[in-house]
Amino acid sequence: MIGNWTSWKKFPDAQRGELVEAPIGPGIYEVRDVASGDLAAFDASPNVAYALSSLRPRPSRPWQKLFGGANGSWNGSEIEYRTCAAATMGEAKIMAQCLRGRRQVYWRRSAFAVRAGNAA
């Protein structure tokens, strides 16, 4: 059985040792940009807490910038996440597919409305 979405939570600060609050089991997660609301990540996972932890921004290292090292284009204060627990991984995958389908329908309708508005 699929649970309900949690409220949006800011990513914890890795430098202070804060932890991601998410199910240690199957479910789906969504990550978005705080300012724009744009979707940054969405997927089903057998361990949601682990999946979100791997997405979590790493502490900044000043020397990386000096030598052109990769330092993520965002930090924890710029993104937020929410989760939805599932009983099984199969259930989580089905729910993720349904949500992806709904998003595609929404974007098609939005694109059609924009084109129809420009034609008038």
PDB file of N, CA and C in Angstrom:
ATOM      1  N   MET A   1       0.837  -1.176   0.000  1.00  0.00           N
ATOM      2  CA  MET A   1       0.000   0.000   0.000  1.00  0.00           C
ATOM      3  C   MET A   1       0.886   1.246   0.000  1.00  0.00           C
ATOM      4  N   ILE A   2       0.559   2.180  -0.850  1.00  0.00           N
ATOM      5  CA  ILE A   2       1.295   3.440  -0.948  1.00  0.00           C
ATOM      6  C   ILE A   2       0.821   4.379   0.152  1.00  0.00           C
ATOM      7  N   GLY A   3       1.760   5.050   0.783  1.00  0.00           N
ATOM      8  CA  GLY A   3       1.434   6.032   1.812  1.00  0.00           C
ATOM      9  C   GLY A   3       1.154   7.386   1.196  1.00  0.00           C
ATOM     10  N   ASN A   4       1.122   8.391   2.019  1.00  0.00           N
ATOM     11  CA  ASN A   4       0.920   9.766   1.555  1.00  0.00           C
ATOM     12  C   ASN A   4       2.270  10.459   1.412  1.00  0.00           C
ATOM     13  N   TRP A   5       2.289  11.492   0.582  1.00  0.00           N
ATOM     14  CA  TRP A   5       3.500  12.302   0.443  1.00  0.00           C
ATOM     15  C   TRP A   5       3.767  13.012   1.762  1.00  0.00           C
ATOM     16  N   THR A   6       5.030  13.115   2.118  1.00  0.00           N
ATOM     17  CA  THR A   6       5.405  13.919   3.277  1.00  0.00           C
ATOM     18  C   THR A   6       5.365  15.388   2.853  1.00  0.00           C
ATOM     19  N   SER A   7       5.493  16.279   3.801  1.00  0.00           N
ATOM     20  CA  SER A   7       5.609  17.686   3.443  1.00  0.00           C
ATOM     21  C   SER A   7       7.010  17.915   2.878  1.00  0.00           C
ATOM     22  N   TRP A   8       7.194  19.036   2.182  1.00  0.00           N
ATOM     23  CA  TRP A   8       8.508  19.357   1.619  1.00  0.00           C
ATOM     24  C   TRP A   8       9.476  19.660   2.758  1.00  0.00           C
ATOM     25  N   LYS A   9      10.685  19.108   2.653  1.00  0.00           N
ATOM     26  CA  LYS A   9      11.717  19.310   3.670  1.00  0.00           C
ATOM     27  C   LYS A   9      12.990  19.795   2.992  1.00  0.00           C
ATOM     28  N   LYS A  10      13.682  20.702   3.652  1.00  0.00           N
ATOM     29  CA  LYS A  10      14.973  21.156   3.126  1.00  0.00           C
ATOM     30  C   LYS A  10      16.008  20.067   3.355  1.00  0.00           C
ATOM     31  N   PHE A  11      16.977  19.999   2.445  1.00  0.00           N
ATOM     32  CA  PHE A  11      18.052  19.021   2.617  1.00  0.00           C
ATOM     33  C   PHE A  11      18.847  19.370   3.861  1.00  0.00           C
ATOM     34  N   PRO A  12      19.209  18.357   4.655  1.00  0.00           N
ATOM     35  CA  PRO A  12      19.976  18.613   5.874  1.00  0.00           C
ATOM     36  C   PRO A  12      21.395  19.065   5.552  1.00  0.00           C
ATOM     37  N   ASP A  13      21.991  19.747   6.503  1.00  0.00           N
ATOM     38  CA  ASP A  13      23.350  20.245   6.351  1.00  0.00           C
ATOM     39  C   ASP A  13      24.336  19.135   6.694  1.00  0.00           C
ATOM     40  N   ALA A  14      25.076  18.677   5.697  1.00  0.00           N
ATOM     41  CA  ALA A  14      26.028  17.580   5.892  1.00  0.00           C
ATOM     42  C   ALA A  14      27.154  17.966   6.844  1.00  0.00           C
ATOM     43  N   GLN A  15      27.534  19.234   6.855  1.00  0.00           N
ATOM     44  CA  GLN A  15      28.626  19.675   7.721  1.00  0.00           C
ATOM     45  C   GLN A  15      28.246  19.626   9.197  1.00  0.00           C
ATOM     46  N   ARG A  16      26.961  19.712   9.492  1.00  0.00           N
ATOM     47  CA  ARG A  16      26.500  19.636  10.874  1.00  0.00           C
ATOM     48  C   ARG A  16      26.074  18.225  11.259  1.00  0.00           C
ATOM     49  N   GLY A  17      26.206  17.288  10.339  1.00  0.00           N
ATOM     50  CA  GLY A  17      25.866  15.899  10.629  1.00  0.00           C
ATOM     51  C   GLY A  17      24.377  15.609  10.646  1.00  0.00           C
ATOM     52  N   GLU A  18      23.578  16.458  10.034  1.00  0.00           N
ATOM     53  CA  GLU A  18      22.137  16.235   9.987  1.00  0.00           C
ATOM     54  C   GLU A  18      21.821  15.094   9.023  1.00  0.00           C
ATOM     55  N   LEU A  19      20.724  14.412   9.261  1.00  0.00           N
ATOM     56  CA  LEU A  19      20.349  13.237   8.468  1.00  0.00           C
ATOM     57  C   LEU A  19      19.108  13.499   7.627  1.00  0.00           C
ATOM     58  N   VAL A  20      19.001  12.767   6.533  1.00  0.00           N
ATOM     59  CA  VAL A  20      17.820  12.805   5.681  1.00  0.00           C
ATOM     60  C   VAL A  20      16.705  12.047   6.397  1.00  0.00           C
ATOM     61  N   GLU A  21      15.511  12.615   6.429  1.00  0.00           N
ATOM     62  CA  GLU A  21      14.361  11.949   7.027  1.00  0.00           C
ATOM     63  C   GLU A  21      13.563  11.294   5.913  1.00  0.00           C
ATOM     64  N   ALA A  22      13.745   9.975   5.746  1.00  0.00           N
ATOM     65  CA  ALA A  22      13.087   9.254   4.668  1.00  0.00           C
ATOM     66  C   ALA A  22      12.959   7.783   5.044  1.00  0.00           C
ATOM     67  N   PRO A  23      12.039   7.063   4.387  1.00  0.00           N
ATOM     68  CA  PRO A  23      11.872   5.634   4.674  1.00  0.00           C
ATOM     69  C   PRO A  23      13.133   4.828   4.346  1.00  0.00           C
ATOM     70  N   ILE A  24      13.467   3.899   5.217  1.00  0.00           N
ATOM     71  CA  ILE A  24      14.561   2.966   4.945  1.00  0.00           C
ATOM     72  C   ILE A  24      13.900   1.726   4.347  1.00  0.00           C
ATOM     73  N   GLY A  25      13.369   1.903   3.173  1.00  0.00           N
ATOM     74  CA  GLY A  25      12.644   0.852   2.481  1.00  0.00           C
ATOM     75  C   GLY A  25      12.120   1.409   1.171  1.00  0.00           C
ATOM     76  N   PRO A  26      11.265   0.650   0.488  1.00  0.00           N
ATOM     77  CA  PRO A  26      10.795   1.078  -0.832  1.00  0.00           C
ATOM     78  C   PRO A  26       9.885   2.294  -0.780  1.00  0.00           C
ATOM     79  N   GLY A  27       9.928   3.059  -1.864  1.00  0.00           N
ATOM     80  CA  GLY A  27       9.073   4.235  -1.985  1.00  0.00           C
ATOM     81  C   GLY A  27       9.516   5.099  -3.147  1.00  0.00           C
ATOM     82  N   ILE A  28       8.950   6.281  -3.222  1.00  0.00           N
ATOM     83  CA  ILE A  28       9.309   7.225  -4.265  1.00  0.00           C
ATOM     84  C   ILE A  28       9.725   8.536  -3.617  1.00  0.00           C
ATOM     85  N   TYR A  29      10.552   9.286  -4.337  1.00  0.00           N
ATOM     86  CA  TYR A  29      11.009  10.574  -3.830  1.00  0.00           C
ATOM     87  C   TYR A  29      10.981  11.593  -4.950  1.00  0.00           C
ATOM     88  N   GLU A  30      10.902  12.838  -4.534  1.00  0.00           N
ATOM     89  CA  GLU A  30      10.877  13.965  -5.466  1.00  0.00           C
ATOM     90  C   GLU A  30      11.752  15.067  -4.876  1.00  0.00           C
ATOM     91  N   VAL A  31      12.604  15.650  -5.697  1.00  0.00           N
ATOM     92  CA  VAL A  31      13.490  16.728  -5.274  1.00  0.00           C
ATOM     93  C   VAL A  31      13.229  17.904  -6.199  1.00  0.00           C
ATOM     94  N   ARG A  32      13.102  19.099  -5.624  1.00  0.00           N
ATOM     95  CA  ARG A  32      12.836  20.276  -6.448  1.00  0.00           C
ATOM     96  C   ARG A  32      13.674  21.465  -6.008  1.00  0.00           C
ATOM     97  N   ASP A  33      13.811  22.416  -6.921  1.00  0.00           N
ATOM     98  CA  ASP A  33      14.494  23.669  -6.652  1.00  0.00           C
ATOM     99  C   ASP A  33      13.540  24.548  -5.837  1.00  0.00           C
ATOM    100  N   VAL A  34      14.014  25.102  -4.752  1.00  0.00           N
ATOM    101  CA  VAL A  34      13.160  25.896  -3.866  1.00  0.00           C
ATOM    102  C   VAL A  34      12.640  27.150  -4.571  1.00  0.00           C
ATOM    103  N   ALA A  35      13.518  27.870  -5.259  1.00  0.00           N
ATOM    104  CA  ALA A  35      13.140  29.150  -5.863  1.00  0.00           C
ATOM    105  C   ALA A  35      12.165  28.995  -7.021  1.00  0.00           C
ATOM    106  N   SER A  36      12.448  28.082  -7.933  1.00  0.00           N
ATOM    107  CA  SER A  36      11.629  27.966  -9.144  1.00  0.00           C
ATOM    108  C   SER A  36      10.569  26.880  -9.063  1.00  0.00           C
ATOM    109  N   GLY A  37      10.751  25.898  -8.184  1.00  0.00           N
ATOM    110  CA  GLY A  37       9.823  24.779  -8.111  1.00  0.00           C
ATOM    111  C   GLY A  37      10.089  23.723  -9.172  1.00  0.00           C
ATOM    112  N   ASP A  38      11.159  23.901  -9.961  1.00  0.00           N
ATOM    113  CA  ASP A  38      11.496  22.940 -11.006  1.00  0.00           C
ATOM    114  C   ASP A  38      11.909  21.609 -10.402  1.00  0.00           C
ATOM    115  N   LEU A  39      11.459  20.532 -11.028  1.00  0.00           N
ATOM    116  CA  LEU A  39      11.800  19.189 -10.587  1.00  0.00           C
ATOM    117  C   LEU A  39      13.269  18.904 -10.866  1.00  0.00           C
ATOM    118  N   ALA A  40      14.012  18.465  -9.848  1.00  0.00           N
ATOM    119  CA  ALA A  40      15.431  18.155  -9.999  1.00  0.00           C
ATOM    120  C   ALA A  40      15.661  16.651 -10.057  1.00  0.00           C
ATOM    121  N   ALA A  41      14.852  15.879  -9.340  1.00  0.00           N
ATOM    122  CA  ALA A  41      14.985  14.421  -9.338  1.00  0.00           C
ATOM    123  C   ALA A  41      13.664  13.799  -8.919  1.00  0.00           C
ATOM    124  N   PHE A  42      13.388  12.632  -9.505  1.00  0.00           N
ATOM    125  CA  PHE A  42      12.178  11.886  -9.174  1.00  0.00           C
ATOM    126  C   PHE A  42      12.426  10.434  -9.530  1.00  0.00           C
ATOM    127  N   ASP A  43      12.153   9.519  -8.602  1.00  0.00           N
ATOM    128  CA  ASP A  43      12.355   8.107  -8.923  1.00  0.00           C
ATOM    129  C   ASP A  43      11.778   7.226  -7.831  1.00  0.00           C
ATOM    130  N   ALA A  44      11.658   5.944  -8.153  1.00  0.00           N
ATOM    131  CA  ALA A  44      11.315   4.920  -7.174  1.00  0.00           C
ATOM    132  C   ALA A  44      12.623   4.303  -6.701  1.00  0.00           C
ATOM    133  N   SER A  45      12.648   3.861  -5.454  1.00  0.00           N
ATOM    134  CA  SER A  45      13.880   3.298  -4.913  1.00  0.00           C
ATOM    135  C   SER A  45      13.555   2.202  -3.908  1.00  0.00           C
ATOM    136  N   PRO A  46      14.413   1.168  -3.843  1.00  0.00           N
ATOM    137  CA  PRO A  46      14.209   0.140  -2.817  1.00  0.00           C
ATOM    138  C   PRO A  46      14.580   0.647  -1.423  1.00  0.00           C
ATOM    139  N   ASN A  47      15.370   1.724  -1.349  1.00  0.00           N
ATOM    140  CA  ASN A  47      15.753   2.336  -0.084  1.00  0.00           C
ATOM    141  C   ASN A  47      15.792   3.852  -0.299  1.00  0.00           C
ATOM    142  N   VAL A  48      14.695   4.513   0.002  1.00  0.00           N
ATOM    143  CA  VAL A  48      14.548   5.948  -0.281  1.00  0.00           C
ATOM    144  C   VAL A  48      15.584   6.777   0.472  1.00  0.00           C
ATOM    145  N   ALA A  49      15.851   6.445   1.726  1.00  0.00           N
ATOM    146  CA  ALA A  49      16.824   7.211   2.518  1.00  0.00           C
ATOM    147  C   ALA A  49      18.205   7.160   1.861  1.00  0.00           C
ATOM    148  N   TYR A  50      18.617   5.996   1.387  1.00  0.00           N
ATOM    149  CA  TYR A  50      19.924   5.860   0.747  1.00  0.00           C
ATOM    150  C   TYR A  50      19.965   6.635  -0.568  1.00  0.00           C
ATOM    151  N   ALA A  51      18.895   6.546  -1.341  1.00  0.00           N
ATOM    152  CA  ALA A  51      18.846   7.260  -2.625  1.00  0.00           C
ATOM    153  C   ALA A  51      18.952   8.768  -2.415  1.00  0.00           C
ATOM    154  N   LEU A  52      18.235   9.303  -1.442  1.00  0.00           N
ATOM    155  CA  LEU A  52      18.306  10.735  -1.172  1.00  0.00           C
ATOM    156  C   LEU A  52      19.663  11.141  -0.613  1.00  0.00           C
ATOM    157  N   SER A  53      20.257  10.286   0.199  1.00  0.00           N
ATOM    158  CA  SER A  53      21.585  10.588   0.742  1.00  0.00           C
ATOM    159  C   SER A  53      22.623  10.683  -0.360  1.00  0.00           C
ATOM    160  N   SER A  54      22.462   9.878  -1.404  1.00  0.00           N
ATOM    161  CA  SER A  54      23.423   9.941  -2.506  1.00  0.00           C
ATOM    162  C   SER A  54      23.232  11.207  -3.336  1.00  0.00           C
ATOM    163  N   LEU A  55      22.057  11.818  -3.270  1.00  0.00           N
ATOM    164  CA  LEU A  55      21.791  13.068  -3.992  1.00  0.00           C
ATOM    165  C   LEU A  55      22.196  14.289  -3.181  1.00  0.00           C
ATOM    166  N   ARG A  56      22.373  14.108  -1.895  1.00  0.00           N
ATOM    167  CA  ARG A  56      22.639  15.218  -0.983  1.00  0.00           C
ATOM    168  C   ARG A  56      23.913  15.943  -1.379  1.00  0.00           C
ATOM    169  N   PRO A  57      23.885  17.266  -1.350  1.00  0.00           N
ATOM    170  CA  PRO A  57      25.084  18.049  -1.673  1.00  0.00           C
ATOM    171  C   PRO A  57      26.222  17.720  -0.720  1.00  0.00           C
ATOM    172  N   ARG A  58      27.417  17.672  -1.238  1.00  0.00           N
ATOM    173  CA  ARG A  58      28.605  17.411  -0.430  1.00  0.00           C
ATOM    174  C   ARG A  58      29.128  18.726   0.129  1.00  0.00           C
ATOM    175  N   PRO A  59      29.823  18.677   1.249  1.00  0.00           N
ATOM    176  CA  PRO A  59      30.415  19.909   1.785  1.00  0.00           C
ATOM    177  C   PRO A  59      31.352  20.539   0.760  1.00  0.00           C
ATOM    178  N   SER A  60      31.337  21.837   0.691  1.00  0.00           N
ATOM    179  CA  SER A  60      32.178  22.579  -0.249  1.00  0.00           C
ATOM    180  C   SER A  60      33.638  22.499   0.171  1.00  0.00           C
ATOM    181  N   ARG A  61      34.520  22.364  -0.811  1.00  0.00           N
ATOM    182  CA  ARG A  61      35.963  22.376  -0.563  1.00  0.00           C
ATOM    183  C   ARG A  61      36.559  23.491  -1.404  1.00  0.00           C
ATOM    184  N   PRO A  62      37.074  24.542  -0.771  1.00  0.00           N
ATOM    185  CA  PRO A  62      37.577  25.699  -1.512  1.00  0.00           C
ATOM    186  C   PRO A  62      38.637  25.355  -2.545  1.00  0.00           C
ATOM    187  N   TRP A  63      39.505  24.386  -2.274  1.00  0.00           N
ATOM    188  CA  TRP A  63      40.575  24.064  -3.211  1.00  0.00           C
ATOM    189  C   TRP A  63      40.041  23.475  -4.506  1.00  0.00           C
ATOM    190  N   GLN A  64      38.814  22.872  -4.485  1.00  0.00           N
ATOM    191  CA  GLN A  64      38.243  22.321  -5.713  1.00  0.00           C
ATOM    192  C   GLN A  64      37.995  23.427  -6.734  1.00  0.00           C
ATOM    193  N   LYS A  65      37.550  24.567  -6.261  1.00  0.00           N
ATOM    194  CA  LYS A  65      37.291  25.684  -7.166  1.00  0.00           C
ATOM    195  C   LYS A  65      38.586  26.197  -7.784  1.00  0.00           C
ATOM    196  N   LEU A  66      39.648  26.207  -6.993  1.00  0.00           N
ATOM    197  CA  LEU A  66      40.938  26.675  -7.503  1.00  0.00           C
ATOM    198  C   LEU A  66      41.460  25.805  -8.639  1.00  0.00           C
ATOM    199  N   PHE A  67      41.238  24.503  -8.534  1.00  0.00           N
ATOM    200  CA  PHE A  67      41.751  23.574  -9.528  1.00  0.00           C
ATOM    201  C   PHE A  67      40.675  23.084 -10.491  1.00  0.00           C
ATOM    202  N   GLY A  68      39.545  23.757 -10.517  1.00  0.00           N
ATOM    203  CA  GLY A  68      38.483  23.426 -11.467  1.00  0.00           C
ATOM    204  C   GLY A  68      37.751  22.141 -11.148  1.00  0.00           C
ATOM    205  N   GLY A  69      37.791  21.714  -9.901  1.00  0.00           N
ATOM    206  CA  GLY A  69      37.099  20.489  -9.520  1.00  0.00           C
ATOM    207  C   GLY A  69      35.595  20.667  -9.550  1.00  0.00           C
ATOM    208  N   ALA A  70      34.907  19.552  -9.689  1.00  0.00           N
ATOM    209  CA  ALA A  70      33.444  19.578  -9.713  1.00  0.00           C
ATOM    210  C   ALA A  70      32.926  19.878  -8.315  1.00  0.00           C
ATOM    211  N   ASN A  71      32.123  20.879  -8.227  1.00  0.00           N
ATOM    212  CA  ASN A  71      31.461  21.222  -6.973  1.00  0.00           C
ATOM    213  C   ASN A  71      30.023  21.522  -7.357  1.00  0.00           C
ATOM    214  N   GLY A  72      29.064  20.676  -6.970  1.00  0.00           N
ATOM    215  CA  GLY A  72      27.688  20.771  -7.427  1.00  0.00           C
ATOM    216  C   GLY A  72      27.198  22.180  -7.700  1.00  0.00           C
ATOM    217  N   SER A  73      26.261  22.321  -8.610  1.00  0.00           N
ATOM    218  CA  SER A  73      25.764  23.642  -8.978  1.00  0.00           C
ATOM    219  C   SER A  73      24.713  24.134  -7.991  1.00  0.00           C
ATOM    220  N   TRP A  74      24.410  23.376  -6.944  1.00  0.00           N
ATOM    221  CA  TRP A  74      23.439  23.776  -5.935  1.00  0.00           C
ATOM    222  C   TRP A  74      23.931  23.352  -4.575  1.00  0.00           C
ATOM    223  N   ASN A  75      23.337  23.949  -3.575  1.00  0.00           N
ATOM    224  CA  ASN A  75      23.644  23.510  -2.213  1.00  0.00           C
ATOM    225  C   ASN A  75      22.348  23.145  -1.511  1.00  0.00           C
ATOM    226  N   GLY A  76      22.442  22.632  -0.305  1.00  0.00           N
ATOM    227  CA  GLY A  76      21.281  22.124   0.410  1.00  0.00           C
ATOM    228  C   GLY A  76      20.192  23.137   0.662  1.00  0.00           C
ATOM    229  N   SER A  77      20.534  24.420   0.738  1.00  0.00           N
ATOM    230  CA  SER A  77      19.510  25.423   1.007  1.00  0.00           C
ATOM    231  C   SER A  77      18.717  25.772  -0.253  1.00  0.00           C
ATOM    232  N   GLU A  78      19.152  25.281  -1.405  1.00  0.00           N
ATOM    233  CA  GLU A  78      18.476  25.597  -2.662  1.00  0.00           C
ATOM    234  C   GLU A  78      17.512  24.519  -3.120  1.00  0.00           C
ATOM    235  N   ILE A  79      17.545  23.349  -2.491  1.00  0.00           N
ATOM    236  CA  ILE A  79      16.652  22.264  -2.902  1.00  0.00           C
ATOM    237  C   ILE A  79      15.910  21.708  -1.694  1.00  0.00           C
ATOM    238  N   GLU A  80      14.783  21.059  -1.980  1.00  0.00           N
ATOM    239  CA  GLU A  80      14.002  20.408  -0.946  1.00  0.00           C
ATOM    240  C   GLU A  80      13.460  19.096  -1.495  1.00  0.00           C
ATOM    241  N   TYR A  81      13.023  18.223  -0.609  1.00  0.00           N
ATOM    242  CA  TYR A  81      12.569  16.902  -1.028  1.00  0.00           C
ATOM    243  C   TYR A  81      11.310  16.493  -0.284  1.00  0.00           C
ATOM    244  N   ARG A  82      10.633  15.511  -0.860  1.00  0.00           N
ATOM    245  CA  ARG A  82       9.523  14.858  -0.177  1.00  0.00           C
ATOM    246  C   ARG A  82       9.531  13.391  -0.583  1.00  0.00           C
ATOM    247  N   THR A  83       8.912  12.547   0.227  1.00  0.00           N
ATOM    248  CA  THR A  83       8.930  11.115  -0.020  1.00  0.00           C
ATOM    249  C   THR A  83       7.539  10.523   0.145  1.00  0.00           C
ATOM    250  N   CYS A  84       7.391   9.323  -0.378  1.00  0.00           N
ATOM    251  CA  CYS A  84       6.157   8.568  -0.226  1.00  0.00           C
ATOM    252  C   CYS A  84       6.548   7.101  -0.089  1.00  0.00           C
ATOM    253  N   ALA A  85       6.227   6.497   1.040  1.00  0.00           N
ATOM    254  CA  ALA A  85       6.604   5.111   1.300  1.00  0.00           C
ATOM    255  C   ALA A  85       5.690   4.144   0.558  1.00  0.00           C
ATOM    256  N   ALA A  86       6.221   2.972   0.245  1.00  0.00           N
ATOM    257  CA  ALA A  86       5.455   1.909  -0.403  1.00  0.00           C
ATOM    258  C   ALA A  86       5.736   0.596   0.319  1.00  0.00           C
ATOM    259  N   ALA A  87       4.836  -0.366   0.160  1.00  0.00           N
ATOM    260  CA  ALA A  87       5.022  -1.668   0.808  1.00  0.00           C
ATOM    261  C   ALA A  87       6.068  -2.500   0.081  1.00  0.00           C
ATOM    262  N   THR A  88       6.109  -2.398  -1.251  1.00  0.00           N
ATOM    263  CA  THR A  88       7.059  -3.176  -2.043  1.00  0.00           C
ATOM    264  C   THR A  88       7.686  -2.298  -3.115  1.00  0.00           C
ATOM    265  N   MET A  89       8.795  -2.743  -3.657  1.00  0.00           N
ATOM    266  CA  MET A  89       9.452  -2.007  -4.738  1.00  0.00           C
ATOM    267  C   MET A  89       8.569  -2.005  -5.986  1.00  0.00           C
ATOM    268  N   GLY A  90       7.883  -3.099  -6.244  1.00  0.00           N
ATOM    269  CA  GLY A  90       6.976  -3.167  -7.390  1.00  0.00           C
ATOM    270  C   GLY A  90       5.892  -2.108  -7.303  1.00  0.00           C
ATOM    271  N   GLU A  91       5.342  -1.947  -6.125  1.00  0.00           N
ATOM    272  CA  GLU A  91       4.308  -0.932  -5.900  1.00  0.00           C
ATOM    273  C   GLU A  91       4.872   0.472  -6.122  1.00  0.00           C
ATOM    274  N   ALA A  92       6.087   0.698  -5.661  1.00  0.00           N
ATOM    275  CA  ALA A  92       6.729   2.006  -5.836  1.00  0.00           C
ATOM    276  C   ALA A  92       6.951   2.304  -7.316  1.00  0.00           C
ATOM    277  N   LYS A  93       7.394   1.301  -8.082  1.00  0.00           N
ATOM    278  CA  LYS A  93       7.614   1.489  -9.526  1.00  0.00           C
ATOM    279  C   LYS A  93       6.320   1.820 -10.249  1.00  0.00           C
ATOM    280  N   ILE A  94       5.241   1.123  -9.895  1.00  0.00           N
ATOM    281  CA  ILE A  94       3.938   1.383 -10.531  1.00  0.00           C
ATOM    282  C   ILE A  94       3.474   2.807 -10.235  1.00  0.00           C
ATOM    283  N   MET A  95       3.615   3.237  -8.984  1.00  0.00           N
ATOM    284  CA  MET A  95       3.211   4.590  -8.606  1.00  0.00           C
ATOM    285  C   MET A  95       4.053   5.629  -9.334  1.00  0.00           C
ATOM    286  N   ALA A  96       5.352   5.388  -9.456  1.00  0.00           N
ATOM    287  CA  ALA A  96       6.235   6.324 -10.164  1.00  0.00           C
ATOM    288  C   ALA A  96       5.824   6.422 -11.640  1.00  0.00           C
ATOM    289  N   GLN A  97       5.495   5.293 -12.268  1.00  0.00           N
ATOM    290  CA  GLN A  97       5.052   5.308 -13.664  1.00  0.00           C
ATOM    291  C   GLN A  97       3.749   6.092 -13.819  1.00  0.00           C
ATOM    292  N   CYS A  98       2.833   5.905 -12.892  1.00  0.00           N
ATOM    293  CA  CYS A  98       1.559   6.645 -12.938  1.00  0.00           C
ATOM    294  C   CYS A  98       1.794   8.145 -12.824  1.00  0.00           C
ATOM    295  N   LEU A  99       2.660   8.539 -11.900  1.00  0.00           N
ATOM    296  CA  LEU A  99       2.940   9.965 -11.722  1.00  0.00           C
ATOM    297  C   LEU A  99       3.646  10.550 -12.945  1.00  0.00           C
ATOM    298  N   ARG A 100       4.556   9.801 -13.540  1.00  0.00           N
ATOM    299  CA  ARG A 100       5.220  10.272 -14.768  1.00  0.00           C
ATOM    300  C   ARG A 100       4.196  10.462 -15.879  1.00  0.00           C
ATOM    301  N   GLY A 101       3.256   9.523 -15.995  1.00  0.00           N
ATOM    302  CA  GLY A 101       2.199   9.635 -17.001  1.00  0.00           C
ATOM    303  C   GLY A 101       1.339  10.864 -16.785  1.00  0.00           C
ATOM    304  N   ARG A 102       0.986  11.148 -15.548  1.00  0.00           N
ATOM    305  CA  ARG A 102       0.196  12.342 -15.247  1.00  0.00           C
ATOM    306  C   ARG A 102       0.946  13.613 -15.611  1.00  0.00           C
ATOM    307  N   ARG A 103       2.238  13.641 -15.336  1.00  0.00           N
ATOM    308  CA  ARG A 103       3.039  14.822 -15.683  1.00  0.00           C
ATOM    309  C   ARG A 103       3.092  15.029 -17.189  1.00  0.00           C
ATOM    310  N   GLN A 104       3.246  13.937 -17.937  1.00  0.00           N
ATOM    311  CA  GLN A 104       3.299  14.049 -19.393  1.00  0.00           C
ATOM    312  C   GLN A 104       1.989  14.597 -19.942  1.00  0.00           C
ATOM    313  N   VAL A 105       0.869  14.125 -19.416  1.00  0.00           N
ATOM    314  CA  VAL A 105      -0.435  14.629 -19.850  1.00  0.00           C
ATOM    315  C   VAL A 105      -0.554  16.113 -19.523  1.00  0.00           C
ATOM    316  N   TYR A 106      -0.123  16.502 -18.321  1.00  0.00           N
ATOM    317  CA  TYR A 106      -0.187  17.906 -17.920  1.00  0.00           C
ATOM    318  C   TYR A 106       0.630  18.776 -18.871  1.00  0.00           C
ATOM    319  N   TRP A 107       1.871  18.358 -19.178  1.00  0.00           N
ATOM    320  CA  TRP A 107       2.728  19.159 -20.054  1.00  0.00           C
ATOM    321  C   TRP A 107       2.180  19.225 -21.474  1.00  0.00           C
ATOM    322  N   ARG A 108       1.579  18.144 -21.957  1.00  0.00           N
ATOM    323  CA  ARG A 108       0.965  18.185 -23.297  1.00  0.00           C
ATOM    324  C   ARG A 108      -0.182  19.185 -23.321  1.00  0.00           C
ATOM    325  N   ARG A 109      -1.027  19.154 -22.289  1.00  0.00           N
ATOM    326  CA  ARG A 109      -2.159  20.087 -22.225  1.00  0.00           C
ATOM    327  C   ARG A 109      -1.673  21.524 -22.117  1.00  0.00           C
ATOM    328  N   SER A 110      -0.628  21.743 -21.316  1.00  0.00           N
ATOM    329  CA  SER A 110      -0.080  23.090 -21.170  1.00  0.00           C
ATOM    330  C   SER A 110       0.474  23.591 -22.496  1.00  0.00           C
ATOM    331  N   ALA A 111       1.193  22.737 -23.201  1.00  0.00           N
ATOM    332  CA  ALA A 111       1.759  23.121 -24.499  1.00  0.00           C
ATOM    333  C   ALA A 111       0.642  23.422 -25.493  1.00  0.00           C
ATOM    334  N   PHE A 112      -0.424  22.617 -25.491  1.00  0.00           N
ATOM    335  CA  PHE A 112      -1.547  22.838 -26.384  1.00  0.00           C
ATOM    336  C   PHE A 112      -2.237  24.171 -26.062  1.00  0.00           C
ATOM    337  N   ALA A 113      -2.419  24.468 -24.769  1.00  0.00           N
ATOM    338  CA  ALA A 113      -3.065  25.710 -24.365  1.00  0.00           C
ATOM    339  C   ALA A 113      -2.242  26.914 -24.799  1.00  0.00           C
ATOM    340  N   VAL A 114      -0.928  26.814 -24.717  1.00  0.00           N
ATOM    341  CA  VAL A 114      -0.051  27.911 -25.132  1.00  0.00           C
ATOM    342  C   VAL A 114      -0.163  28.116 -26.642  1.00  0.00           C
ATOM    343  N   ARG A 115      -0.133  27.015 -27.402  1.00  0.00           N
ATOM    344  CA  ARG A 115      -0.252  27.124 -28.863  1.00  0.00           C
ATOM    345  C   ARG A 115      -1.608  27.674 -29.266  1.00  0.00           C
ATOM    346  N   ALA A 116      -2.672  27.231 -28.576  1.00  0.00           N
ATOM    347  CA  ALA A 116      -4.006  27.701 -28.888  1.00  0.00           C
ATOM    348  C   ALA A 116      -4.144  29.184 -28.541  1.00  0.00           C
ATOM    349  N   GLY A 117      -3.497  29.618 -27.458  1.00  0.00           N
ATOM    350  CA  GLY A 117      -3.522  31.035 -27.063  1.00  0.00           C
ATOM    351  C   GLY A 117      -2.788  31.902 -28.051  1.00  0.00           C
ATOM    352  N   ASN A 118      -1.696  31.396 -28.633  1.00  0.00           N
ATOM    353  CA  ASN A 118      -0.920  32.160 -29.619  1.00  0.00           C
ATOM    354  C   ASN A 118      -1.651  32.245 -30.946  1.00  0.00           C
ATOM    355  N   ALA A 119      -2.507  31.268 -31.252  1.00  0.00           N
ATOM    356  CA  ALA A 119      -3.215  31.262 -32.519  1.00  0.00           C
ATOM    357  C   ALA A 119      -4.359  32.251 -32.518  1.00  0.00           C
ATOM    358  N   ALA A 120      -4.860  32.585 -31.352  1.00  0.00           N
ATOM    359  CA  ALA A 120      -6.020  33.492 -31.273  1.00  0.00           C
ATOM    360  C   ALA A 120      -5.633  34.926 -31.521  1.00  0.00           C
TER     361      ALA A 120
END
